[in-house]
Amino acid sequence: MLRPVAAVAAVLAVAASAVAGAPDYFAEKDKDFGVTAVGPVLVHYFPIKNTSNQTVTMGQPRIQCGCVNVTLHKGQLAPGETTYLAAYMNTAKIPQQQIGTNKSVTVSVPFLTPNYEEVVIKVSTLARPDMVWSTQDGVVFGTVVKGKPTKATMTVTLYNNPKWEVKEVKSSGVYVKADVKEVKRNGGEVAYEITATLDEKCAAGNWMSDLTLTTNAVGIEKMRVPVTVNVVPAISVSPEALKFGALPMGDAKSFDVTVQGLQPFKVLEVKGGDDKVTVTPKTEGARHQHTLKVDVKAAAAGDLTREIQILTDSKDMPTVVLPVSYSVKK
């Protein structure tokens, strides 16, 4: 019974793919940012995947309000390809008469080929005039060095509600933990400080996550606070890996690799080489940037992989790894 069911499912999947329309390309078409202060720029990425069997082309999106901007990362998608529509909702530009009410903005995304269609997505928020964030963009770590635990804080203040309490804070990010504590209660002014801690295992890259505050106030039962961080390695290698592809027997190749650090460092030793792959430092002493010469020889048929270890005097990154690979034709 399993084989016929699987076969039918496959046929149905192919049929659905063939007739997929533009609305089917969106995994979501509605983002409610929830309650926020006036000032933050709220960001959300809408994934768009071409689930059809034809190339699709998108045009310039039309936006209902000047408080929202969008960026379409790629305007043409081959079958199976994915891109993102980034929506930026600037709460400082919401019309004054709409502050304190639920503000909803629609964005029309036109699909030009193979058939003309429009898909409407929506972003919304409630920007409260009686709420203030100490940092406009939420919890901002800025640029941090990979491997170092880091903390960042912000303060949320609510006016005209002396009984306001934040019950808890939860993080959507695996590598972000958060705590909250009351720091001020003076008449109708109540303030809480949010402290987020970034785990040292967080990989390099630009990352975003959310904190969710649970409070006792009507209309602010749940409040989203964005978290942003740019994690960079203390020392980086460019290119990150050397892939020479297929080489003829007896051929030889040379390539310069750049090793760059946030602080001056020394290259103490290079390990992992042999008679087929040799690595020679071209620079000496402590500096922000070093150059290494990599020589490879196609001496024997088959695939070759090496993991070159660059040892440095950097406490943050004492070892940098450079993969080298190629194949040799007979």
C-alpha atoms as a PDB file:
ATOM      1  CA  MET A   1       0.000   0.000   0.000  1.00  0.00           C
ATOM      2  CA  LEU A   2       2.859   2.387   0.651  1.00  0.00           C
ATOM      3  CA  ARG A   3       4.121   2.486  -2.904  1.00  0.00           C
ATOM      4  CA  PRO A   4       0.796   3.399  -4.586  1.00  0.00           C
ATOM      5  CA  VAL A   5       0.138   6.117  -1.948  1.00  0.00           C
ATOM      6  CA  ALA A   6       3.621   7.547  -2.468  1.00  0.00           C
ATOM      7  CA  ALA A   7       3.135   7.507  -6.217  1.00  0.00           C
ATOM      8  CA  VAL A   8      -0.190   9.338  -5.958  1.00  0.00           C
ATOM      9  CA  ALA A   9       1.357  11.883  -3.583  1.00  0.00           C
ATOM     10  CA  ALA A  10       4.199  12.479  -6.031  1.00  0.00           C
ATOM     11  CA  VAL A  11       1.757  13.033  -8.906  1.00  0.00           C
ATOM     12  CA  LEU A  12      -0.292  15.446  -6.828  1.00  0.00           C
ATOM     13  CA  ALA A  13       2.863  17.323  -5.775  1.00  0.00           C
ATOM     14  CA  VAL A  14       3.961  17.713  -9.406  1.00  0.00           C
ATOM     15  CA  ALA A  15       0.493  18.889 -10.414  1.00  0.00           C
ATOM     16  CA  ALA A  16       0.368  21.397  -7.570  1.00  0.00           C
ATOM     17  CA  SER A  17       3.802  22.698  -8.537  1.00  0.00           C
ATOM     18  CA  ALA A  18       2.726  23.147 -12.139  1.00  0.00           C
ATOM     19  CA  VAL A  19      -0.291  25.274 -11.273  1.00  0.00           C
ATOM     20  CA  ALA A  20       1.242  27.138  -8.319  1.00  0.00           C
ATOM     21  CA  GLY A  21       0.249  30.779  -8.328  1.00  0.00           C
ATOM     22  CA  ALA A  22       2.039  33.812  -6.901  1.00  0.00           C
ATOM     23  CA  PRO A  23       0.246  33.676  -3.494  1.00  0.00           C
ATOM     24  CA  ASP A  24       1.617  30.141  -3.045  1.00  0.00           C
ATOM     25  CA  TYR A  25       5.188  31.486  -3.185  1.00  0.00           C
ATOM     26  CA  PHE A  26       4.759  33.200   0.199  1.00  0.00           C
ATOM     27  CA  ALA A  27       5.046  31.189   3.409  1.00  0.00           C
ATOM     28  CA  GLU A  28       3.456  34.150   5.230  1.00  0.00           C
ATOM     29  CA  LYS A  29       1.763  37.339   4.120  1.00  0.00           C
ATOM     30  CA  ASP A  30       0.980  39.057   7.442  1.00  0.00           C
ATOM     31  CA  LYS A  31       3.323  40.292  10.177  1.00  0.00           C
ATOM     32  CA  ASP A  32       2.016  41.921  13.347  1.00  0.00           C
ATOM     33  CA  PHE A  33       4.900  43.498  15.272  1.00  0.00           C
ATOM     34  CA  GLY A  34       2.663  44.011  18.295  1.00  0.00           C
ATOM     35  CA  VAL A  35       3.070  46.866  20.760  1.00  0.00           C
ATOM     36  CA  THR A  36       6.086  49.150  20.454  1.00  0.00           C
ATOM     37  CA  ALA A  37       7.273  52.625  21.355  1.00  0.00           C
ATOM     38  CA  VAL A  38       7.302  55.509  18.881  1.00  0.00           C
ATOM     39  CA  GLY A  39      10.699  55.585  17.170  1.00  0.00           C
ATOM     40  CA  PRO A  40      11.962  52.025  16.515  1.00  0.00           C
ATOM     41  CA  VAL A  41      12.311  50.696  12.976  1.00  0.00           C
ATOM     42  CA  LEU A  42      10.687  47.254  12.895  1.00  0.00           C
ATOM     43  CA  VAL A  43      12.085  44.731  10.400  1.00  0.00           C
ATOM     44  CA  HIS A  44      10.679  41.483   9.029  1.00  0.00           C
ATOM     45  CA  TYR A  45      11.809  39.219   6.174  1.00  0.00           C
ATOM     46  CA  PHE A  46       9.083  37.589   4.075  1.00  0.00           C
ATOM     47  CA  PRO A  47      10.476  34.485   2.283  1.00  0.00           C
ATOM     48  CA  ILE A  48       9.408  34.024  -1.337  1.00  0.00           C
ATOM     49  CA  LYS A  49       9.987  30.619  -2.971  1.00  0.00           C
ATOM     50  CA  ASN A  50       9.201  29.852  -6.588  1.00  0.00           C
ATOM     51  CA  THR A  51       7.294  26.584  -6.218  1.00  0.00           C
ATOM     52  CA  SER A  52       6.307  26.494  -9.886  1.00  0.00           C
ATOM     53  CA  ASN A  53       8.153  24.916 -12.791  1.00  0.00           C
ATOM     54  CA  GLN A  54       8.683  28.237 -14.588  1.00  0.00           C
ATOM     55  CA  THR A  55      10.893  31.279 -14.012  1.00  0.00           C
ATOM     56  CA  VAL A  56       8.995  34.137 -12.348  1.00  0.00           C
ATOM     57  CA  THR A  57       9.786  37.853 -12.512  1.00  0.00           C
ATOM     58  CA  MET A  58       8.667  40.402  -9.916  1.00  0.00           C
ATOM     59  CA  GLY A  59       8.214  44.142 -10.312  1.00  0.00           C
ATOM     60  CA  GLN A  60       8.579  47.086  -7.949  1.00  0.00           C
ATOM     61  CA  PRO A  61       6.314  46.692  -4.874  1.00  0.00           C
ATOM     62  CA  ARG A  62       3.759  49.420  -4.140  1.00  0.00           C
ATOM     63  CA  ILE A  63       3.448  50.599  -0.536  1.00  0.00           C
ATOM     64  CA  GLN A  64       0.387  52.119   1.108  1.00  0.00           C
ATOM     65  CA  CYS A  65       2.195  54.346   3.642  1.00  0.00           C
ATOM     66  CA  GLY A  66       5.468  56.289   3.814  1.00  0.00           C
ATOM     67  CA  CYS A  67       6.192  54.713   7.188  1.00  0.00           C
ATOM     68  CA  VAL A  68       7.106  51.457   5.438  1.00  0.00           C
ATOM     69  CA  ASN A  69       9.953  50.697   3.022  1.00  0.00           C
ATOM     70  CA  VAL A  70      10.665  47.353   1.389  1.00  0.00           C
ATOM     71  CA  THR A  71      13.656  45.754  -0.312  1.00  0.00           C
ATOM     72  CA  LEU A  72      13.278  42.853  -2.714  1.00  0.00           C
ATOM     73  CA  HIS A  73      16.565  40.959  -2.593  1.00  0.00           C
ATOM     74  CA  LYS A  74      16.111  39.357  -6.016  1.00  0.00           C
ATOM     75  CA  GLY A  75      13.601  40.178  -8.742  1.00  0.00           C
ATOM     76  CA  GLN A  76      13.751  36.960 -10.769  1.00  0.00           C
ATOM     77  CA  LEU A  77      13.497  33.411  -9.446  1.00  0.00           C
ATOM     78  CA  ALA A  78      14.191  30.136 -11.208  1.00  0.00           C
ATOM     79  CA  PRO A  79      12.041  27.124 -10.244  1.00  0.00           C
ATOM     80  CA  GLY A  80      12.776  26.156  -6.639  1.00  0.00           C
ATOM     81  CA  GLU A  81      14.750  29.344  -5.922  1.00  0.00           C
ATOM     82  CA  THR A  82      14.091  31.473  -2.807  1.00  0.00           C
ATOM     83  CA  THR A  83      14.500  35.170  -2.048  1.00  0.00           C
ATOM     84  CA  TYR A  84      13.281  37.593   0.631  1.00  0.00           C
ATOM     85  CA  LEU A  85      11.211  40.743   0.779  1.00  0.00           C
ATOM     86  CA  ALA A  86      12.510  42.839   3.686  1.00  0.00           C
ATOM     87  CA  ALA A  87       9.872  45.154   5.202  1.00  0.00           C
ATOM     88  CA  TYR A  88      10.992  48.090   7.356  1.00  0.00           C
ATOM     89  CA  MET A  89       8.280  49.798   9.415  1.00  0.00           C
ATOM     90  CA  ASN A  90       9.510  53.129  10.809  1.00  0.00           C
ATOM     91  CA  THR A  91       7.273  53.929  13.776  1.00  0.00           C
ATOM     92  CA  ALA A  92       8.613  57.501  13.897  1.00  0.00           C
ATOM     93  CA  LYS A  93       6.923  58.120  10.528  1.00  0.00           C
ATOM     94  CA  ILE A  94       3.496  56.825  11.468  1.00  0.00           C
ATOM     95  CA  PRO A  95       1.015  59.731  11.114  1.00  0.00           C
ATOM     96  CA  GLN A  96       0.434  61.442  14.453  1.00  0.00           C
ATOM     97  CA  GLN A  97      -3.298  60.811  14.425  1.00  0.00           C
ATOM     98  CA  GLN A  98      -2.641  57.069  14.127  1.00  0.00           C
ATOM     99  CA  ILE A  99      -0.240  56.832  17.079  1.00  0.00           C
ATOM    100  CA  GLY A 100      -1.855  54.759  19.815  1.00  0.00           C
ATOM    101  CA  THR A 101      -4.007  52.807  17.360  1.00  0.00           C
ATOM    102  CA  ASN A 102      -3.308  49.645  15.422  1.00  0.00           C
ATOM    103  CA  LYS A 103      -1.510  50.786  12.272  1.00  0.00           C
ATOM    104  CA  SER A 104      -1.698  48.366   9.363  1.00  0.00           C
ATOM    105  CA  VAL A 105       0.106  48.896   6.041  1.00  0.00           C
ATOM    106  CA  THR A 106      -0.315  46.833   2.882  1.00  0.00           C
ATOM    107  CA  VAL A 107       2.386  46.183   0.293  1.00  0.00           C
ATOM    108  CA  SER A 108       1.419  44.995  -3.196  1.00  0.00           C
ATOM    109  CA  VAL A 109       4.042  42.783  -4.844  1.00  0.00           C
ATOM    110  CA  PRO A 110       3.500  42.465  -8.635  1.00  0.00           C
ATOM    111  CA  PHE A 111       4.504  39.277 -10.474  1.00  0.00           C
ATOM    112  CA  LEU A 112       5.099  40.112 -14.129  1.00  0.00           C
ATOM    113  CA  THR A 113       5.893  36.709 -15.628  1.00  0.00           C
ATOM    114  CA  PRO A 114       4.869  34.074 -16.531  1.00  0.00           C
ATOM    115  CA  ASN A 115       1.445  35.581 -15.695  1.00  0.00           C
ATOM    116  CA  TYR A 116       0.608  38.939 -14.169  1.00  0.00           C
ATOM    117  CA  GLU A 117      -0.543  38.613 -10.554  1.00  0.00           C
ATOM    118  CA  GLU A 118      -0.353  40.746  -7.420  1.00  0.00           C
ATOM    119  CA  VAL A 119       0.184  39.500  -3.905  1.00  0.00           C
ATOM    120  CA  VAL A 120      -0.716  41.731  -0.967  1.00  0.00           C
ATOM    121  CA  ILE A 121       1.258  41.422   2.247  1.00  0.00           C
ATOM    122  CA  LYS A 122       0.618  43.337   5.447  1.00  0.00           C
ATOM    123  CA  VAL A 123       2.668  44.681   8.349  1.00  0.00           C
ATOM    124  CA  SER A 124       1.112  46.219  11.447  1.00  0.00           C
ATOM    125  CA  THR A 125       1.959  47.557  14.881  1.00  0.00           C
ATOM    126  CA  LEU A 126       0.591  49.608  17.743  1.00  0.00           C
ATOM    127  CA  ALA A 127       2.980  52.436  18.600  1.00  0.00           C
ATOM    128  CA  ARG A 128       2.187  53.808  22.062  1.00  0.00           C
ATOM    129  CA  PRO A 129       2.962  57.468  22.857  1.00  0.00           C
ATOM    130  CA  ASP A 130       3.232  56.628  26.579  1.00  0.00           C
ATOM    131  CA  MET A 131       6.086  54.166  26.064  1.00  0.00           C
ATOM    132  CA  VAL A 132       9.796  54.984  25.625  1.00  0.00           C
ATOM    133  CA  TRP A 133      12.676  52.711  24.628  1.00  0.00           C
ATOM    134  CA  SER A 134      16.152  53.831  25.677  1.00  0.00           C
ATOM    135  CA  THR A 135      17.547  52.487  22.386  1.00  0.00           C
ATOM    136  CA  GLN A 136      15.573  53.074  19.230  1.00  0.00           C
ATOM    137  CA  ASP A 137      16.327  49.687  17.669  1.00  0.00           C
ATOM    138  CA  GLY A 138      15.792  47.485  20.725  1.00  0.00           C
ATOM    139  CA  VAL A 139      18.669  45.497  22.191  1.00  0.00           C
ATOM    140  CA  VAL A 140      21.731  46.243  20.054  1.00  0.00           C
ATOM    141  CA  PHE A 141      24.955  44.305  20.635  1.00  0.00           C
ATOM    142  CA  GLY A 142      26.717  46.019  17.757  1.00  0.00           C
ATOM    143  CA  THR A 143      29.848  44.280  16.440  1.00  0.00           C
ATOM    144  CA  VAL A 144      31.263  41.632  18.787  1.00  0.00           C
ATOM    145  CA  VAL A 145      34.158  39.196  18.497  1.00  0.00           C
ATOM    146  CA  LYS A 146      33.213  35.553  17.981  1.00  0.00           C
ATOM    147  CA  GLY A 147      33.884  33.436  21.039  1.00  0.00           C
ATOM    148  CA  LYS A 148      33.348  36.178  23.604  1.00  0.00           C
ATOM    149  CA  PRO A 149      30.191  36.242  25.753  1.00  0.00           C
ATOM    150  CA  THR A 150      28.729  39.743  25.519  1.00  0.00           C
ATOM    151  CA  LYS A 151      25.940  41.645  27.258  1.00  0.00           C
ATOM    152  CA  ALA A 152      23.691  44.446  25.999  1.00  0.00           C
ATOM    153  CA  THR A 153      20.961  46.375  27.795  1.00  0.00           C
ATOM    154  CA  MET A 154      18.026  48.637  27.130  1.00  0.00           C
ATOM    155  CA  THR A 155      15.317  50.237  29.264  1.00  0.00           C
ATOM    156  CA  VAL A 156      11.580  50.225  28.591  1.00  0.00           C
ATOM    157  CA  THR A 157       9.579  52.961  30.343  1.00  0.00           C
ATOM    158  CA  LEU A 158       5.797  53.175  30.537  1.00  0.00           C
ATOM    159  CA  TYR A 159       3.981  56.289  31.763  1.00  0.00           C
ATOM    160  CA  ASN A 160       0.492  56.699  33.225  1.00  0.00           C
ATOM    161  CA  ASN A 161       0.300  53.177  34.655  1.00  0.00           C
ATOM    162  CA  PRO A 162       1.734  52.971  38.194  1.00  0.00           C
ATOM    163  CA  LYS A 163       0.752  49.303  38.503  1.00  0.00           C
ATOM    164  CA  TRP A 164       2.584  48.155  35.385  1.00  0.00           C
ATOM    165  CA  GLU A 165       4.648  44.991  35.850  1.00  0.00           C
ATOM    166  CA  VAL A 166       6.812  42.939  33.506  1.00  0.00           C
ATOM    167  CA  LYS A 167       6.295  39.322  34.514  1.00  0.00           C
ATOM    168  CA  GLU A 168       8.952  37.641  32.367  1.00  0.00           C
ATOM    169  CA  VAL A 169      11.092  37.899  29.235  1.00  0.00           C
ATOM    170  CA  LYS A 170      11.756  35.096  26.752  1.00  0.00           C
ATOM    171  CA  SER A 171      14.170  34.948  23.822  1.00  0.00           C
ATOM    172  CA  SER A 172      13.499  33.400  20.415  1.00  0.00           C
ATOM    173  CA  GLY A 173      17.236  33.122  19.746  1.00  0.00           C
ATOM    174  CA  VAL A 174      19.156  29.985  20.698  1.00  0.00           C
ATOM    175  CA  TYR A 175      22.258  31.996  21.566  1.00  0.00           C
ATOM    176  CA  VAL A 176      20.540  34.890  23.338  1.00  0.00           C
ATOM    177  CA  LYS A 177      19.379  34.746  26.952  1.00  0.00           C
ATOM    178  CA  ALA A 178      17.607  37.646  28.656  1.00  0.00           C
ATOM    179  CA  ASP A 179      16.737  38.929  32.109  1.00  0.00           C
ATOM    180  CA  VAL A 180      14.541  41.813  33.194  1.00  0.00           C
ATOM    181  CA  LYS A 181      14.464  43.865  36.393  1.00  0.00           C
ATOM    182  CA  GLU A 182      12.555  46.881  37.636  1.00  0.00           C
ATOM    183  CA  VAL A 183      14.740  49.987  37.870  1.00  0.00           C
ATOM    184  CA  LYS A 184      12.225  52.767  38.517  1.00  0.00           C
ATOM    185  CA  ARG A 185       8.718  53.229  39.933  1.00  0.00           C
ATOM    186  CA  ASN A 186       7.878  56.860  40.537  1.00  0.00           C
ATOM    187  CA  GLY A 187       4.212  57.802  40.437  1.00  0.00           C
ATOM    188  CA  GLY A 188       2.930  56.858  37.006  1.00  0.00           C
ATOM    189  CA  GLU A 189       6.424  56.273  35.586  1.00  0.00           C
ATOM    190  CA  VAL A 190       7.644  52.665  35.645  1.00  0.00           C
ATOM    191  CA  ALA A 191      10.868  51.451  34.019  1.00  0.00           C
ATOM    192  CA  TYR A 192      12.385  48.025  33.466  1.00  0.00           C
ATOM    193  CA  GLU A 193      15.911  47.206  32.326  1.00  0.00           C
ATOM    194  CA  ILE A 194      16.385  44.312  29.892  1.00  0.00           C
ATOM    195  CA  THR A 195      19.769  42.596  29.829  1.00  0.00           C
ATOM    196  CA  ALA A 196      20.543  40.209  26.970  1.00  0.00           C
ATOM    197  CA  THR A 197      23.558  37.885  26.991  1.00  0.00           C
ATOM    198  CA  LEU A 198      25.038  36.528  23.774  1.00  0.00           C
ATOM    199  CA  ASP A 199      26.456  33.009  23.992  1.00  0.00           C
ATOM    200  CA  GLU A 200      30.099  32.598  22.986  1.00  0.00           C
ATOM    201  CA  LYS A 201      29.073  29.780  20.603  1.00  0.00           C
ATOM    202  CA  CYS A 202      27.148  32.143  18.319  1.00  0.00           C
ATOM    203  CA  ALA A 203      28.508  31.824  14.778  1.00  0.00           C
ATOM    204  CA  ALA A 204      29.902  34.732  12.792  1.00  0.00           C
ATOM    205  CA  GLY A 205      27.338  36.748  10.819  1.00  0.00           C
ATOM    206  CA  ASN A 206      24.622  39.395  11.101  1.00  0.00           C
ATOM    207  CA  TRP A 207      21.846  37.989  13.286  1.00  0.00           C
ATOM    208  CA  MET A 208      18.405  39.071  14.436  1.00  0.00           C
ATOM    209  CA  SER A 209      16.112  37.596  17.077  1.00  0.00           C
ATOM    210  CA  ASP A 210      13.249  38.718  19.311  1.00  0.00           C
ATOM    211  CA  LEU A 211      12.595  39.084  23.005  1.00  0.00           C
ATOM    212  CA  THR A 212       9.011  38.748  24.196  1.00  0.00           C
ATOM    213  CA  LEU A 213       7.993  40.607  27.347  1.00  0.00           C
ATOM    214  CA  THR A 214       4.918  39.406  29.226  1.00  0.00           C
ATOM    215  CA  THR A 215       3.245  42.189  31.232  1.00  0.00           C
ATOM    216  CA  ASN A 216       0.095  42.756  33.267  1.00  0.00           C
ATOM    217  CA  ALA A 217      -1.128  45.764  31.261  1.00  0.00           C
ATOM    218  CA  VAL A 218      -4.208  45.496  29.074  1.00  0.00           C
ATOM    219  CA  GLY A 219      -3.113  45.815  25.455  1.00  0.00           C
ATOM    220  CA  ILE A 220       0.533  45.076  26.317  1.00  0.00           C
ATOM    221  CA  GLU A 221       0.142  41.483  27.448  1.00  0.00           C
ATOM    222  CA  LYS A 222       2.937  40.567  25.025  1.00  0.00           C
ATOM    223  CA  MET A 223       5.543  42.975  23.703  1.00  0.00           C
ATOM    224  CA  ARG A 224       8.240  42.235  21.111  1.00  0.00           C
ATOM    225  CA  VAL A 225      11.738  43.706  21.438  1.00  0.00           C
ATOM    226  CA  PRO A 226      14.159  43.068  18.539  1.00  0.00           C
ATOM    227  CA  VAL A 227      17.760  41.967  19.144  1.00  0.00           C
ATOM    228  CA  THR A 228      20.527  42.577  16.598  1.00  0.00           C
ATOM    229  CA  VAL A 229      24.181  41.563  16.580  1.00  0.00           C
ATOM    230  CA  ASN A 230      27.083  41.395  14.127  1.00  0.00           C
ATOM    231  CA  VAL A 231      29.483  38.617  15.134  1.00  0.00           C
ATOM    232  CA  VAL A 232      32.933  38.732  13.528  1.00  0.00           C
ATOM    233  CA  PRO A 233      35.905  36.387  13.963  1.00  0.00           C
ATOM    234  CA  ALA A 234      38.985  37.793  15.690  1.00  0.00           C
ATOM    235  CA  ILE A 235      40.982  36.563  12.691  1.00  0.00           C
ATOM    236  CA  SER A 236      39.578  35.759   9.252  1.00  0.00           C
ATOM    237  CA  VAL A 237      41.034  34.087   6.161  1.00  0.00           C
ATOM    238  CA  SER A 238      40.282  35.198   2.607  1.00  0.00           C
ATOM    239  CA  PRO A 239      39.392  33.091   0.767  1.00  0.00           C
ATOM    240  CA  GLU A 240      37.938  30.888   3.493  1.00  0.00           C
ATOM    241  CA  ALA A 241      38.899  27.744   1.541  1.00  0.00           C
ATOM    242  CA  LEU A 242      41.104  26.951  -1.459  1.00  0.00           C
ATOM    243  CA  LYS A 243      39.391  24.696  -4.011  1.00  0.00           C
ATOM    244  CA  PHE A 244      41.595  24.257  -7.070  1.00  0.00           C
ATOM    245  CA  GLY A 245      39.290  21.797  -8.823  1.00  0.00           C
ATOM    246  CA  ALA A 246      40.753  19.268 -11.273  1.00  0.00           C
ATOM    247  CA  LEU A 247      44.469  19.577 -12.077  1.00  0.00           C
ATOM    248  CA  PRO A 248      46.433  17.711 -14.752  1.00  0.00           C
ATOM    249  CA  MET A 249      49.090  15.312 -13.532  1.00  0.00           C
ATOM    250  CA  GLY A 250      52.356  17.156 -12.903  1.00  0.00           C
ATOM    251  CA  ASP A 251      50.711  20.579 -12.760  1.00  0.00           C
ATOM    252  CA  ALA A 252      51.438  23.116  -9.992  1.00  0.00           C
ATOM    253  CA  LYS A 253      49.476  26.091  -8.692  1.00  0.00           C
ATOM    254  CA  SER A 254      50.236  28.996  -6.345  1.00  0.00           C
ATOM    255  CA  PHE A 255      47.826  31.256  -4.520  1.00  0.00           C
ATOM    256  CA  ASP A 256      48.141  34.044  -1.975  1.00  0.00           C
ATOM    257  CA  VAL A 257      45.882  33.914   1.086  1.00  0.00           C
ATOM    258  CA  THR A 258      45.135  36.931   3.283  1.00  0.00           C
ATOM    259  CA  VAL A 259      44.851  36.455   7.042  1.00  0.00           C
ATOM    260  CA  GLN A 260      43.362  39.525   8.724  1.00  0.00           C
ATOM    261  CA  GLY A 261      42.746  40.323  12.384  1.00  0.00           C
ATOM    262  CA  LEU A 262      40.850  42.922  14.386  1.00  0.00           C
ATOM    263  CA  GLN A 263      44.062  43.479  16.367  1.00  0.00           C
ATOM    264  CA  PRO A 264      47.722  43.072  15.334  1.00  0.00           C
ATOM    265  CA  PHE A 265      48.899  39.457  15.652  1.00  0.00           C
ATOM    266  CA  LYS A 266      51.805  37.210  14.756  1.00  0.00           C
ATOM    267  CA  VAL A 267      51.766  34.038  12.684  1.00  0.00           C
ATOM    268  CA  LEU A 268      53.775  31.640  14.862  1.00  0.00           C
ATOM    269  CA  GLU A 269      53.636  28.465  12.788  1.00  0.00           C
ATOM    270  CA  VAL A 270      51.801  26.770   9.935  1.00  0.00           C
ATOM    271  CA  LYS A 271      50.905  23.076  10.232  1.00  0.00           C
ATOM    272  CA  GLY A 272      49.200  20.527   8.010  1.00  0.00           C
ATOM    273  CA  GLY A 273      51.307  20.895   4.878  1.00  0.00           C
ATOM    274  CA  ASP A 274      53.418  18.252   3.119  1.00  0.00           C
ATOM    275  CA  ASP A 275      55.234  17.679  -0.160  1.00  0.00           C
ATOM    276  CA  LYS A 276      51.987  18.217  -2.099  1.00  0.00           C
ATOM    277  CA  VAL A 277      50.735  21.311  -0.244  1.00  0.00           C
ATOM    278  CA  THR A 278      53.170  23.848   1.185  1.00  0.00           C
ATOM    279  CA  VAL A 279      52.307  27.127   2.918  1.00  0.00           C
ATOM    280  CA  THR A 280      54.886  29.894   3.319  1.00  0.00           C
ATOM    281  CA  PRO A 281      54.302  33.132   5.288  1.00  0.00           C
ATOM    282  CA  LYS A 282      55.277  36.200   3.241  1.00  0.00           C
ATOM    283  CA  THR A 283      55.013  38.616   6.200  1.00  0.00           C
ATOM    284  CA  GLU A 284      56.541  38.746   9.659  1.00  0.00           C
ATOM    285  CA  GLY A 285      55.964  40.383  13.034  1.00  0.00           C
ATOM    286  CA  ALA A 286      52.743  41.633  14.596  1.00  0.00           C
ATOM    287  CA  ARG A 287      50.366  43.215  12.093  1.00  0.00           C
ATOM    288  CA  HIS A 288      46.673  43.429  11.241  1.00  0.00           C
ATOM    289  CA  GLN A 289      47.144  41.538   7.970  1.00  0.00           C
ATOM    290  CA  HIS A 290      49.403  38.711   6.866  1.00  0.00           C
ATOM    291  CA  THR A 291      49.889  37.081   3.478  1.00  0.00           C
ATOM    292  CA  LEU A 292      50.563  33.350   3.050  1.00  0.00           C
ATOM    293  CA  LYS A 293      51.683  31.715  -0.181  1.00  0.00           C
ATOM    294  CA  VAL A 294      50.045  28.346  -0.842  1.00  0.00           C
ATOM    295  CA  ASP A 295      51.704  25.998  -3.388  1.00  0.00           C
ATOM    296  CA  VAL A 296      50.046  22.772  -4.537  1.00  0.00           C
ATOM    297  CA  LYS A 297      51.494  19.994  -6.720  1.00  0.00           C
ATOM    298  CA  ALA A 298      49.495  17.458  -8.707  1.00  0.00           C
ATOM    299  CA  ALA A 299      51.891  14.598  -7.993  1.00  0.00           C
ATOM    300  CA  ALA A 300      49.523  11.618  -7.737  1.00  0.00           C
ATOM    301  CA  ALA A 301      46.115  10.781  -9.200  1.00  0.00           C
ATOM    302  CA  GLY A 302      43.063  11.089  -6.990  1.00  0.00           C
ATOM    303  CA  ASP A 303      41.399  13.555  -4.637  1.00  0.00           C
ATOM    304  CA  LEU A 304      43.455  15.514  -2.133  1.00  0.00           C
ATOM    305  CA  THR A 305      42.267  17.431   0.913  1.00  0.00           C
ATOM    306  CA  ARG A 306      44.371  19.144   3.532  1.00  0.00           C
ATOM    307  CA  GLU A 307      43.473  21.168   6.616  1.00  0.00           C
ATOM    308  CA  ILE A 308      46.095  23.852   7.080  1.00  0.00           C
ATOM    309  CA  GLN A 309      46.369  25.139  10.649  1.00  0.00           C
ATOM    310  CA  ILE A 310      47.670  28.678  11.078  1.00  0.00           C
ATOM    311  CA  LEU A 311      48.878  29.168  14.643  1.00  0.00           C
ATOM    312  CA  THR A 312      48.842  32.757  15.967  1.00  0.00           C
ATOM    313  CA  ASP A 313      49.590  34.597  19.205  1.00  0.00           C
ATOM    314  CA  SER A 314      45.994  35.875  19.382  1.00  0.00           C
ATOM    315  CA  LYS A 315      44.276  34.924  22.648  1.00  0.00           C
ATOM    316  CA  ASP A 316      40.883  35.203  20.988  1.00  0.00           C
ATOM    317  CA  MET A 317      41.783  32.961  18.029  1.00  0.00           C
ATOM    318  CA  PRO A 318      45.037  31.036  18.469  1.00  0.00           C
ATOM    319  CA  THR A 319      44.300  28.680  15.551  1.00  0.00           C
ATOM    320  CA  VAL A 320      42.884  29.509  12.126  1.00  0.00           C
ATOM    321  CA  VAL A 321      41.952  26.671   9.743  1.00  0.00           C
ATOM    322  CA  LEU A 322      42.330  26.849   5.948  1.00  0.00           C
ATOM    323  CA  PRO A 323      40.880  23.883   3.975  1.00  0.00           C
ATOM    324  CA  VAL A 324      42.706  23.057   0.717  1.00  0.00           C
ATOM    325  CA  SER A 325      41.329  20.617  -1.849  1.00  0.00           C
ATOM    326  CA  TYR A 326      41.860  19.529  -5.455  1.00  0.00           C
ATOM    327  CA  SER A 327      41.762  16.433  -7.646  1.00  0.00           C
ATOM    328  CA  VAL A 328      44.414  15.127 -10.017  1.00  0.00           C
ATOM    329  CA  LYS A 329      43.680  13.643 -13.419  1.00  0.00           C
ATOM    330  CA  LYS A 330      45.771  10.846 -14.815  1.00  0.00           C
END
